[in-house]
Amino acid sequence: MRFRRVLVTGANGFLASALLPLLKKRLPRAKVVAASRKTSDLADCGAARRLIARARPDLVMHLAGARPPADLDALWRDNVTATIRLCAALRGTGARLVVAGSSGEYGPAPKRPVSEDFPANPLTLYGRVKHAQTLAALSFVHEGLDVRVARLFNVLGPGTPESLAPGAFAAQAARLERAGGGTLKVGDLRPTRDYIDVRDAAAGLLAVALAPALSGCTNVCSGRGVAMSQVLEGILDAARAPLKAVRDPARLRAVEVRGITGSHARLTRAAGWRPRVALERSLKDTLAWHRSA
């Protein structure tokens, strides 16, 4: 399928910072419309309809949404309600919709790596909201909408916000570098996560969109479990000043998935996609971005 008009929601966000330049490179003839919360509040039914009427997309990359520390009302409105409004506005257009999902939808996974047939059992509030978003989007398949969910694992790299652990480590390190050194405050470093560079995540999102025969949910991940302590170590090693870390009880989470690793076999088979950016490179680039922020 050749896409001529692409709509990207959440255009001011972390994922879009890598996806937008990739779209220009991979789909040079396509008209790309970038929509942000400032220009289009998707939770508003009329605003969603007006955006689709203006953009006339044949492909929608739906990256918009809220994450913690937003409260439940904001999480639900910006993830679930907004997705329902967007899907309703897309009915009958023939457009393909790719929704950015989350590995948090899986919850605790005793068997790893996790493939797409693992039953969702979200543990955190964010995971439950994202799973509700997925179910809402996929329900529109029964109304003829072409919906695909890219289930993203833990994304990092240039632009990582401070609300995510690697971004918090990097932001603190960058500030302490300017002071000549100091101590980072960290939470629990024992959990393991499947980290994927934002540039690989963007390529994975586009691979999900362009693959000829995909449906339902598809993992976008590295396939490698990494302890939070290793992420911190990578930031400290890349720092330009002597830094150490201390555990801060205020940063401990009441509810925490101890470990998760994904399998990208489905996406590799369907589109030939594989992650390419090494963790060390991602961490160095994350720190470099926060130095310049």
C-alpha atoms as a PDB file:
ATOM      1  CA  MET A   1       0.000   0.000   0.000  1.00  0.00           C
ATOM      2  CA  ARG A   2       1.402   3.394  -0.976  1.00  0.00           C
ATOM      3  CA  PHE A   3       0.719   6.153   1.527  1.00  0.00           C
ATOM      4  CA  ARG A   4       0.379   9.706   0.256  1.00  0.00           C
ATOM      5  CA  ARG A   5      -0.930  11.566   3.312  1.00  0.00           C
ATOM      6  CA  VAL A   6       0.340  10.727   6.806  1.00  0.00           C
ATOM      7  CA  LEU A   7      -1.018  12.179  10.039  1.00  0.00           C
ATOM      8  CA  VAL A   8       1.175  12.039  13.151  1.00  0.00           C
ATOM      9  CA  THR A   9      -0.488  12.802  16.483  1.00  0.00           C
ATOM     10  CA  GLY A  10       1.575  13.729  19.523  1.00  0.00           C
ATOM     11  CA  ALA A  11       3.900  15.556  17.143  1.00  0.00           C
ATOM     12  CA  ASN A  12       5.660  17.482  19.926  1.00  0.00           C
ATOM     13  CA  GLY A  13       6.473  14.318  21.857  1.00  0.00           C
ATOM     14  CA  PHE A  14       9.474  12.083  22.366  1.00  0.00           C
ATOM     15  CA  LEU A  15       8.583   9.391  19.817  1.00  0.00           C
ATOM     16  CA  ALA A  16       7.619  11.912  17.153  1.00  0.00           C
ATOM     17  CA  SER A  17      11.030  13.577  17.416  1.00  0.00           C
ATOM     18  CA  ALA A  18      12.466  10.462  15.766  1.00  0.00           C
ATOM     19  CA  LEU A  19       9.491   9.409  13.643  1.00  0.00           C
ATOM     20  CA  LEU A  20       8.916  12.692  11.787  1.00  0.00           C
ATOM     21  CA  PRO A  21      12.410  12.878  10.209  1.00  0.00           C
ATOM     22  CA  LEU A  22      12.217   9.164   9.410  1.00  0.00           C
ATOM     23  CA  LEU A  23       8.921   9.645   7.566  1.00  0.00           C
ATOM     24  CA  LYS A  24      10.476  12.374   5.424  1.00  0.00           C
ATOM     25  CA  LYS A  25      13.323  10.023   4.562  1.00  0.00           C
ATOM     26  CA  ARG A  26      11.318   6.841   3.973  1.00  0.00           C
ATOM     27  CA  LEU A  27       8.173   8.394   2.445  1.00  0.00           C
ATOM     28  CA  PRO A  28       9.610  11.459   0.665  1.00  0.00           C
ATOM     29  CA  ARG A  29       6.546  11.961  -1.544  1.00  0.00           C
ATOM     30  CA  ALA A  30       4.015  11.771   1.253  1.00  0.00           C
ATOM     31  CA  LYS A  31       2.417  14.849   2.773  1.00  0.00           C
ATOM     32  CA  VAL A  32       3.016  14.636   6.530  1.00  0.00           C
ATOM     33  CA  VAL A  33       0.642  16.487   8.853  1.00  0.00           C
ATOM     34  CA  ALA A  34       1.953  16.918  12.406  1.00  0.00           C
ATOM     35  CA  ALA A  35      -0.744  17.416  15.052  1.00  0.00           C
ATOM     36  CA  SER A  36      -0.143  18.276  18.693  1.00  0.00           C
ATOM     37  CA  ARG A  37      -2.419  18.760  21.698  1.00  0.00           C
ATOM     38  CA  LYS A  38      -1.988  22.505  21.178  1.00  0.00           C
ATOM     39  CA  THR A  39      -3.508  22.372  17.697  1.00  0.00           C
ATOM     40  CA  SER A  40      -5.956  19.465  18.067  1.00  0.00           C
ATOM     41  CA  ASP A  41      -7.461  18.117  21.286  1.00  0.00           C
ATOM     42  CA  LEU A  42      -8.373  14.616  20.142  1.00  0.00           C
ATOM     43  CA  ALA A  43     -10.543  13.990  23.193  1.00  0.00           C
ATOM     44  CA  ASP A  44     -12.906  16.586  21.748  1.00  0.00           C
ATOM     45  CA  CYS A  45     -15.150  14.862  19.213  1.00  0.00           C
ATOM     46  CA  GLY A  46     -15.471  17.913  16.973  1.00  0.00           C
ATOM     47  CA  ALA A  47     -11.739  18.627  17.030  1.00  0.00           C
ATOM     48  CA  ALA A  48     -10.954  15.027  16.041  1.00  0.00           C
ATOM     49  CA  ARG A  49     -13.384  15.172  13.113  1.00  0.00           C
ATOM     50  CA  ARG A  50     -12.008  18.516  11.940  1.00  0.00           C
ATOM     51  CA  LEU A  51      -8.435  17.224  12.075  1.00  0.00           C
ATOM     52  CA  ILE A  52      -9.259  14.181   9.937  1.00  0.00           C
ATOM     53  CA  ALA A  53     -11.226  16.320   7.473  1.00  0.00           C
ATOM     54  CA  ARG A  54      -8.273  18.705   7.148  1.00  0.00           C
ATOM     55  CA  ALA A  55      -5.478  16.119   7.020  1.00  0.00           C
ATOM     56  CA  ARG A  56      -7.329  13.546   4.860  1.00  0.00           C
ATOM     57  CA  PRO A  57      -4.820  10.857   5.888  1.00  0.00           C
ATOM     58  CA  ASP A  58      -4.430   7.389   4.462  1.00  0.00           C
ATOM     59  CA  LEU A  59      -2.062   6.555   7.341  1.00  0.00           C
ATOM     60  CA  VAL A  60      -2.309   7.763  10.942  1.00  0.00           C
ATOM     61  CA  MET A  61       0.543   7.278  13.419  1.00  0.00           C
ATOM     62  CA  HIS A  62      -1.181   7.818  16.764  1.00  0.00           C
ATOM     63  CA  LEU A  63       1.506   8.723  19.296  1.00  0.00           C
ATOM     64  CA  ALA A  64      -0.477  11.193  21.416  1.00  0.00           C
ATOM     65  CA  GLY A  65      -1.264  10.355  25.018  1.00  0.00           C
ATOM     66  CA  ALA A  66      -0.545  11.103  28.660  1.00  0.00           C
ATOM     67  CA  ARG A  67       1.739   9.192  31.002  1.00  0.00           C
ATOM     68  CA  PRO A  68       2.476   9.316  34.720  1.00  0.00           C
ATOM     69  CA  PRO A  69       2.619  11.454  36.793  1.00  0.00           C
ATOM     70  CA  ALA A  70      -0.689  12.478  35.174  1.00  0.00           C
ATOM     71  CA  ASP A  71      -3.704  11.460  37.277  1.00  0.00           C
ATOM     72  CA  LEU A  72      -6.300   8.865  36.274  1.00  0.00           C
ATOM     73  CA  ASP A  73      -8.678  11.381  34.706  1.00  0.00           C
ATOM     74  CA  ALA A  74      -5.944  12.818  32.473  1.00  0.00           C
ATOM     75  CA  LEU A  75      -4.570   9.372  31.601  1.00  0.00           C
ATOM     76  CA  TRP A  76      -8.014   8.119  30.601  1.00  0.00           C
ATOM     77  CA  ARG A  77      -8.970  11.248  28.673  1.00  0.00           C
ATOM     78  CA  ASP A  78      -5.748  11.580  26.686  1.00  0.00           C
ATOM     79  CA  ASN A  79      -5.235   7.873  25.987  1.00  0.00           C
ATOM     80  CA  VAL A  80      -8.613   6.141  25.855  1.00  0.00           C
ATOM     81  CA  THR A  81     -11.147   8.870  25.096  1.00  0.00           C
ATOM     82  CA  ALA A  82      -8.865  10.521  22.541  1.00  0.00           C
ATOM     83  CA  THR A  83      -8.287   7.202  20.764  1.00  0.00           C
ATOM     84  CA  ILE A  84     -12.017   6.455  20.604  1.00  0.00           C
ATOM     85  CA  ARG A  85     -12.695   9.906  19.144  1.00  0.00           C
ATOM     86  CA  LEU A  86      -9.913   9.458  16.591  1.00  0.00           C
ATOM     87  CA  CYS A  87     -11.157   6.013  15.553  1.00  0.00           C
ATOM     88  CA  ALA A  88     -14.707   7.293  15.206  1.00  0.00           C
ATOM     89  CA  ALA A  89     -13.496  10.144  12.997  1.00  0.00           C
ATOM     90  CA  LEU A  90     -11.572   7.679  10.794  1.00  0.00           C
ATOM     91  CA  ARG A  91     -14.519   5.374  10.082  1.00  0.00           C
ATOM     92  CA  GLY A  92     -15.190   5.092   6.378  1.00  0.00           C
ATOM     93  CA  THR A  93     -11.980   6.867   5.313  1.00  0.00           C
ATOM     94  CA  GLY A  94     -10.019   3.733   4.375  1.00  0.00           C
ATOM     95  CA  ALA A  95      -7.053   4.961   6.426  1.00  0.00           C
ATOM     96  CA  ARG A  96      -4.712   2.677   8.331  1.00  0.00           C
ATOM     97  CA  LEU A  97      -4.255   3.514  12.019  1.00  0.00           C
ATOM     98  CA  VAL A  98      -1.128   2.571  13.979  1.00  0.00           C
ATOM     99  CA  VAL A  99      -1.524   3.059  17.738  1.00  0.00           C
ATOM    100  CA  ALA A 100       1.491   3.324  20.046  1.00  0.00           C
ATOM    101  CA  GLY A 101       0.805   0.773  22.781  1.00  0.00           C
ATOM    102  CA  SER A 102       2.928  -0.194  25.782  1.00  0.00           C
ATOM    103  CA  SER A 103       4.687  -3.229  27.211  1.00  0.00           C
ATOM    104  CA  GLY A 104       3.016  -2.203  30.481  1.00  0.00           C
ATOM    105  CA  GLU A 105      -0.092  -3.913  29.113  1.00  0.00           C
ATOM    106  CA  TYR A 106       1.512  -7.314  29.714  1.00  0.00           C
ATOM    107  CA  GLY A 107       2.151  -6.865  33.439  1.00  0.00           C
ATOM    108  CA  PRO A 108       4.233  -9.476  35.299  1.00  0.00           C
ATOM    109  CA  ALA A 109       5.642 -12.043  32.886  1.00  0.00           C
ATOM    110  CA  PRO A 110       7.050 -15.187  34.532  1.00  0.00           C
ATOM    111  CA  LYS A 111       8.130 -16.523  31.135  1.00  0.00           C
ATOM    112  CA  ARG A 112      10.411 -14.395  28.974  1.00  0.00           C
ATOM    113  CA  PRO A 113      10.764 -13.201  26.305  1.00  0.00           C
ATOM    114  CA  VAL A 114       7.120 -12.176  25.978  1.00  0.00           C
ATOM    115  CA  SER A 115       5.445 -12.678  22.609  1.00  0.00           C
ATOM    116  CA  GLU A 116       2.181 -11.147  21.453  1.00  0.00           C
ATOM    117  CA  ASP A 117       0.118 -14.178  22.459  1.00  0.00           C
ATOM    118  CA  PHE A 118       0.963 -13.658  26.144  1.00  0.00           C
ATOM    119  CA  PRO A 119      -2.301 -12.646  27.886  1.00  0.00           C
ATOM    120  CA  ALA A 120      -2.385  -9.031  28.994  1.00  0.00           C
ATOM    121  CA  ASN A 121      -2.462  -8.665  32.775  1.00  0.00           C
ATOM    122  CA  PRO A 122      -1.446  -5.055  33.458  1.00  0.00           C
ATOM    123  CA  LEU A 123      -0.241  -4.331  36.972  1.00  0.00           C
ATOM    124  CA  THR A 124       0.182  -0.549  36.957  1.00  0.00           C
ATOM    125  CA  LEU A 125      -2.437   2.136  36.419  1.00  0.00           C
ATOM    126  CA  TYR A 126      -0.675   3.253  33.242  1.00  0.00           C
ATOM    127  CA  GLY A 127      -0.578  -0.319  31.938  1.00  0.00           C
ATOM    128  CA  ARG A 128      -4.311  -0.745  32.567  1.00  0.00           C
ATOM    129  CA  VAL A 129      -5.130   2.523  30.798  1.00  0.00           C
ATOM    130  CA  LYS A 130      -2.941   1.629  27.811  1.00  0.00           C
ATOM    131  CA  HIS A 131      -4.584  -1.779  27.564  1.00  0.00           C
ATOM    132  CA  ALA A 132      -7.987  -0.107  27.602  1.00  0.00           C
ATOM    133  CA  GLN A 133      -6.729   2.087  24.755  1.00  0.00           C
ATOM    134  CA  THR A 134      -5.649  -0.995  22.796  1.00  0.00           C
ATOM    135  CA  LEU A 135      -8.991  -2.742  23.309  1.00  0.00           C
ATOM    136  CA  ALA A 136     -10.879   0.408  22.322  1.00  0.00           C
ATOM    137  CA  ALA A 137      -8.862   0.844  19.124  1.00  0.00           C
ATOM    138  CA  LEU A 138      -9.095  -2.810  18.092  1.00  0.00           C
ATOM    139  CA  SER A 139     -12.857  -2.813  18.663  1.00  0.00           C
ATOM    140  CA  PHE A 140     -13.145  -0.548  15.607  1.00  0.00           C
ATOM    141  CA  VAL A 141     -11.790  -3.365  13.413  1.00  0.00           C
ATOM    142  CA  HIS A 142     -15.348  -4.735  13.545  1.00  0.00           C
ATOM    143  CA  GLU A 143     -16.474  -1.476  11.933  1.00  0.00           C
ATOM    144  CA  GLY A 144     -14.035  -1.850   9.052  1.00  0.00           C
ATOM    145  CA  LEU A 145     -11.154   0.262  10.391  1.00  0.00           C
ATOM    146  CA  ASP A 146      -7.612  -0.954   9.629  1.00  0.00           C
ATOM    147  CA  VAL A 147      -6.000  -0.835  13.101  1.00  0.00           C
ATOM    148  CA  ARG A 148      -2.557  -2.016  14.183  1.00  0.00           C
ATOM    149  CA  VAL A 149      -1.079  -1.640  17.672  1.00  0.00           C
ATOM    150  CA  ALA A 150       2.697  -1.298  18.036  1.00  0.00           C
ATOM    151  CA  ARG A 151       3.396  -2.442  21.580  1.00  0.00           C
ATOM    152  CA  LEU A 152       6.473  -0.414  22.500  1.00  0.00           C
ATOM    153  CA  PHE A 153       8.793  -1.510  25.269  1.00  0.00           C
ATOM    154  CA  ASN A 154      10.983   0.931  27.244  1.00  0.00           C
ATOM    155  CA  VAL A 155      12.136   3.685  24.901  1.00  0.00           C
ATOM    156  CA  LEU A 156      15.224   5.797  25.554  1.00  0.00           C
ATOM    157  CA  GLY A 157      17.691   7.931  23.596  1.00  0.00           C
ATOM    158  CA  PRO A 158      17.914  11.625  22.713  1.00  0.00           C
ATOM    159  CA  GLY A 159      14.845  13.415  24.024  1.00  0.00           C
ATOM    160  CA  THR A 160      14.057  10.955  26.837  1.00  0.00           C
ATOM    161  CA  PRO A 161      11.885  12.910  29.307  1.00  0.00           C
ATOM    162  CA  GLU A 162      12.865  13.170  32.945  1.00  0.00           C
ATOM    163  CA  SER A 163       9.681  11.308  33.899  1.00  0.00           C
ATOM    164  CA  LEU A 164      11.357   8.092  32.650  1.00  0.00           C
ATOM    165  CA  ALA A 165      14.198   6.548  34.674  1.00  0.00           C
ATOM    166  CA  PRO A 166      16.955   6.883  32.014  1.00  0.00           C
ATOM    167  CA  GLY A 167      15.920  10.501  31.464  1.00  0.00           C
ATOM    168  CA  ALA A 168      15.931  11.167  35.217  1.00  0.00           C
ATOM    169  CA  PHE A 169      19.437   9.715  35.511  1.00  0.00           C
ATOM    170  CA  ALA A 170      20.687  11.718  32.525  1.00  0.00           C
ATOM    171  CA  ALA A 171      19.044  14.999  33.563  1.00  0.00           C
ATOM    172  CA  GLN A 172      20.521  14.793  37.061  1.00  0.00           C
ATOM    173  CA  ALA A 173      23.931  13.841  35.671  1.00  0.00           C
ATOM    174  CA  ALA A 174      23.919  16.778  33.258  1.00  0.00           C
ATOM    175  CA  ARG A 175      23.067  19.226  36.055  1.00  0.00           C
ATOM    176  CA  LEU A 176      25.689  17.756  38.387  1.00  0.00           C
ATOM    177  CA  GLU A 177      28.347  17.878  35.655  1.00  0.00           C
ATOM    178  CA  ARG A 178      27.904  21.633  35.490  1.00  0.00           C
ATOM    179  CA  ALA A 179      28.480  21.774  39.260  1.00  0.00           C
ATOM    180  CA  GLY A 180      31.645  19.689  38.972  1.00  0.00           C
ATOM    181  CA  GLY A 181      30.164  16.478  40.391  1.00  0.00           C
ATOM    182  CA  GLY A 182      27.743  15.226  43.006  1.00  0.00           C
ATOM    183  CA  THR A 183      25.188  12.559  43.882  1.00  0.00           C
ATOM    184  CA  LEU A 184      22.221  11.317  41.841  1.00  0.00           C
ATOM    185  CA  LYS A 185      19.030  10.289  43.612  1.00  0.00           C
ATOM    186  CA  VAL A 186      17.662   6.994  42.302  1.00  0.00           C
ATOM    187  CA  GLY A 187      14.890   4.527  43.013  1.00  0.00           C
ATOM    188  CA  ASP A 188      14.958   0.718  42.933  1.00  0.00           C
ATOM    189  CA  LEU A 189      17.726  -0.436  40.587  1.00  0.00           C
ATOM    190  CA  ARG A 190      16.814  -4.143  40.617  1.00  0.00           C
ATOM    191  CA  PRO A 191      13.986  -4.316  38.033  1.00  0.00           C
ATOM    192  CA  THR A 192      14.921  -5.359  34.498  1.00  0.00           C
ATOM    193  CA  ARG A 193      13.476  -3.770  31.393  1.00  0.00           C
ATOM    194  CA  ASP A 194      13.685  -4.210  27.634  1.00  0.00           C
ATOM    195  CA  TYR A 195      15.181  -0.912  26.441  1.00  0.00           C
ATOM    196  CA  ILE A 196      14.938   0.202  22.834  1.00  0.00           C
ATOM    197  CA  ASP A 197      16.443   3.328  21.308  1.00  0.00           C
ATOM    198  CA  VAL A 198      13.923   5.926  20.136  1.00  0.00           C
ATOM    199  CA  ARG A 199      15.354   5.750  16.603  1.00  0.00           C
ATOM    200  CA  ASP A 200      14.812   1.987  16.530  1.00  0.00           C
ATOM    201  CA  ALA A 201      11.337   2.504  18.013  1.00  0.00           C
ATOM    202  CA  ALA A 202      10.475   4.956  15.226  1.00  0.00           C
ATOM    203  CA  ALA A 203      11.706   2.492  12.611  1.00  0.00           C
ATOM    204  CA  GLY A 204       9.662  -0.229  14.300  1.00  0.00           C
ATOM    205  CA  LEU A 205       6.519   1.912  14.265  1.00  0.00           C
ATOM    206  CA  LEU A 206       6.970   2.561  10.565  1.00  0.00           C
ATOM    207  CA  ALA A 207       7.659  -1.133   9.933  1.00  0.00           C
ATOM    208  CA  VAL A 208       4.360  -1.996  11.639  1.00  0.00           C
ATOM    209  CA  ALA A 209       2.624   0.554   9.411  1.00  0.00           C
ATOM    210  CA  LEU A 210       4.181  -0.630   6.145  1.00  0.00           C
ATOM    211  CA  ALA A 211       4.187  -4.409   6.645  1.00  0.00           C
ATOM    212  CA  PRO A 212       1.713  -5.939   4.178  1.00  0.00           C
ATOM    213  CA  ALA A 213       0.203  -8.524   6.514  1.00  0.00           C
ATOM    214  CA  LEU A 214      -0.012  -7.499  10.156  1.00  0.00           C
ATOM    215  CA  SER A 215      -2.988  -7.140  12.462  1.00  0.00           C
ATOM    216  CA  GLY A 216      -3.625  -6.835  16.174  1.00  0.00           C
ATOM    217  CA  CYS A 217      -0.641  -6.162  18.442  1.00  0.00           C
ATOM    218  CA  THR A 218       3.034  -6.318  17.470  1.00  0.00           C
ATOM    219  CA  ASN A 219       5.972  -5.946  19.865  1.00  0.00           C
ATOM    220  CA  VAL A 220       8.609  -3.296  19.179  1.00  0.00           C
ATOM    221  CA  CYS A 221      11.477  -4.169  21.508  1.00  0.00           C
ATOM    222  CA  SER A 222      15.156  -5.092  21.732  1.00  0.00           C
ATOM    223  CA  GLY A 223      14.669  -8.644  22.990  1.00  0.00           C
ATOM    224  CA  ARG A 224      17.204  -8.044  25.763  1.00  0.00           C
ATOM    225  CA  GLY A 225      16.568  -7.576  29.476  1.00  0.00           C
ATOM    226  CA  VAL A 226      18.685  -4.927  31.192  1.00  0.00           C
ATOM    227  CA  ALA A 227      18.762  -4.157  34.921  1.00  0.00           C
ATOM    228  CA  MET A 228      18.102  -0.565  35.943  1.00  0.00           C
ATOM    229  CA  SER A 229      21.488  -0.635  37.672  1.00  0.00           C
ATOM    230  CA  GLN A 230      23.157  -1.209  34.294  1.00  0.00           C
ATOM    231  CA  VAL A 231      21.366   1.808  32.830  1.00  0.00           C
ATOM    232  CA  LEU A 232      22.597   3.962  35.713  1.00  0.00           C
ATOM    233  CA  GLU A 233      26.119   2.592  35.293  1.00  0.00           C
ATOM    234  CA  GLY A 234      26.082   3.554  31.608  1.00  0.00           C
ATOM    235  CA  ILE A 235      25.118   7.145  32.469  1.00  0.00           C
ATOM    236  CA  LEU A 236      27.768   7.394  35.198  1.00  0.00           C
ATOM    237  CA  ASP A 237      30.439   5.998  32.860  1.00  0.00           C
ATOM    238  CA  ALA A 238      29.560   8.595  30.207  1.00  0.00           C
ATOM    239  CA  ALA A 239      29.581  11.513  32.662  1.00  0.00           C
ATOM    240  CA  ARG A 240      32.297  14.168  32.499  1.00  0.00           C
ATOM    241  CA  ALA A 241      32.469  14.652  36.267  1.00  0.00           C
ATOM    242  CA  PRO A 242      32.743  12.311  39.263  1.00  0.00           C
ATOM    243  CA  LEU A 243      29.239  11.164  40.153  1.00  0.00           C
ATOM    244  CA  LYS A 244      27.756   8.652  42.552  1.00  0.00           C
ATOM    245  CA  ALA A 245      24.209   7.519  43.297  1.00  0.00           C
ATOM    246  CA  VAL A 246      22.147   7.164  46.456  1.00  0.00           C
ATOM    247  CA  ARG A 247      18.799   5.467  46.906  1.00  0.00           C
ATOM    248  CA  ASP A 248      15.964   7.918  47.526  1.00  0.00           C
ATOM    249  CA  PRO A 249      12.870   6.390  49.208  1.00  0.00           C
ATOM    250  CA  ALA A 250      10.714   9.062  47.558  1.00  0.00           C
ATOM    251  CA  ARG A 251      11.576   7.572  44.162  1.00  0.00           C
ATOM    252  CA  LEU A 252      10.467   4.036  45.038  1.00  0.00           C
ATOM    253  CA  ARG A 253       7.234   2.892  43.379  1.00  0.00           C
ATOM    254  CA  ALA A 254       4.456   1.238  45.337  1.00  0.00           C
ATOM    255  CA  VAL A 255       3.632  -0.983  42.329  1.00  0.00           C
ATOM    256  CA  GLU A 256       6.494  -2.242  40.162  1.00  0.00           C
ATOM    257  CA  VAL A 257       6.845  -4.958  37.530  1.00  0.00           C
ATOM    258  CA  ARG A 258      10.069  -6.718  38.480  1.00  0.00           C
ATOM    259  CA  GLY A 259      11.126  -7.645  34.981  1.00  0.00           C
ATOM    260  CA  ILE A 260      10.011  -7.909  31.377  1.00  0.00           C
ATOM    261  CA  THR A 261      11.702  -8.721  28.084  1.00  0.00           C
ATOM    262  CA  GLY A 262       9.947  -8.851  24.735  1.00  0.00           C
ATOM    263  CA  SER A 263      10.276 -10.879  21.555  1.00  0.00           C
ATOM    264  CA  HIS A 264      10.381  -9.009  18.244  1.00  0.00           C
ATOM    265  CA  ALA A 265      10.211 -12.220  16.176  1.00  0.00           C
ATOM    266  CA  ARG A 266       6.799 -11.322  14.734  1.00  0.00           C
ATOM    267  CA  LEU A 267       7.933  -7.942  13.415  1.00  0.00           C
ATOM    268  CA  THR A 268      11.201  -9.375  12.144  1.00  0.00           C
ATOM    269  CA  ARG A 269       9.327 -12.034  10.171  1.00  0.00           C
ATOM    270  CA  ALA A 270       6.764  -9.578   8.808  1.00  0.00           C
ATOM    271  CA  ALA A 271       9.036  -6.660   7.940  1.00  0.00           C
ATOM    272  CA  GLY A 272      12.669  -7.647   8.441  1.00  0.00           C
ATOM    273  CA  TRP A 273      12.957  -5.095  11.257  1.00  0.00           C
ATOM    274  CA  ARG A 274      15.628  -5.476  13.934  1.00  0.00           C
ATOM    275  CA  PRO A 275      16.957  -3.046  16.558  1.00  0.00           C
ATOM    276  CA  ARG A 276      20.293  -1.517  15.561  1.00  0.00           C
ATOM    277  CA  VAL A 277      21.338   1.049  18.172  1.00  0.00           C
ATOM    278  CA  ALA A 278      23.406  -0.336  21.056  1.00  0.00           C
ATOM    279  CA  LEU A 279      22.403   0.485  24.634  1.00  0.00           C
ATOM    280  CA  GLU A 280      25.727   2.226  25.294  1.00  0.00           C
ATOM    281  CA  ARG A 281      25.128   4.546  22.336  1.00  0.00           C
ATOM    282  CA  SER A 282      21.571   5.263  23.489  1.00  0.00           C
ATOM    283  CA  LEU A 283      22.718   6.191  26.985  1.00  0.00           C
ATOM    284  CA  LYS A 284      25.497   8.462  25.730  1.00  0.00           C
ATOM    285  CA  ASP A 285      23.067  10.191  23.375  1.00  0.00           C
ATOM    286  CA  THR A 286      20.488  10.552  26.157  1.00  0.00           C
ATOM    287  CA  LEU A 287      23.044  12.274  28.368  1.00  0.00           C
ATOM    288  CA  ALA A 288      24.286  14.457  25.499  1.00  0.00           C
ATOM    289  CA  TRP A 289      20.716  15.590  24.806  1.00  0.00           C
ATOM    290  CA  HIS A 290      20.145  16.560  28.438  1.00  0.00           C
ATOM    291  CA  ARG A 291      23.429  18.481  28.473  1.00  0.00           C
ATOM    292  CA  SER A 292      22.120  20.656  25.660  1.00  0.00           C
ATOM    293  CA  ALA A 293      18.491  20.872  26.856  1.00  0.00           C
END
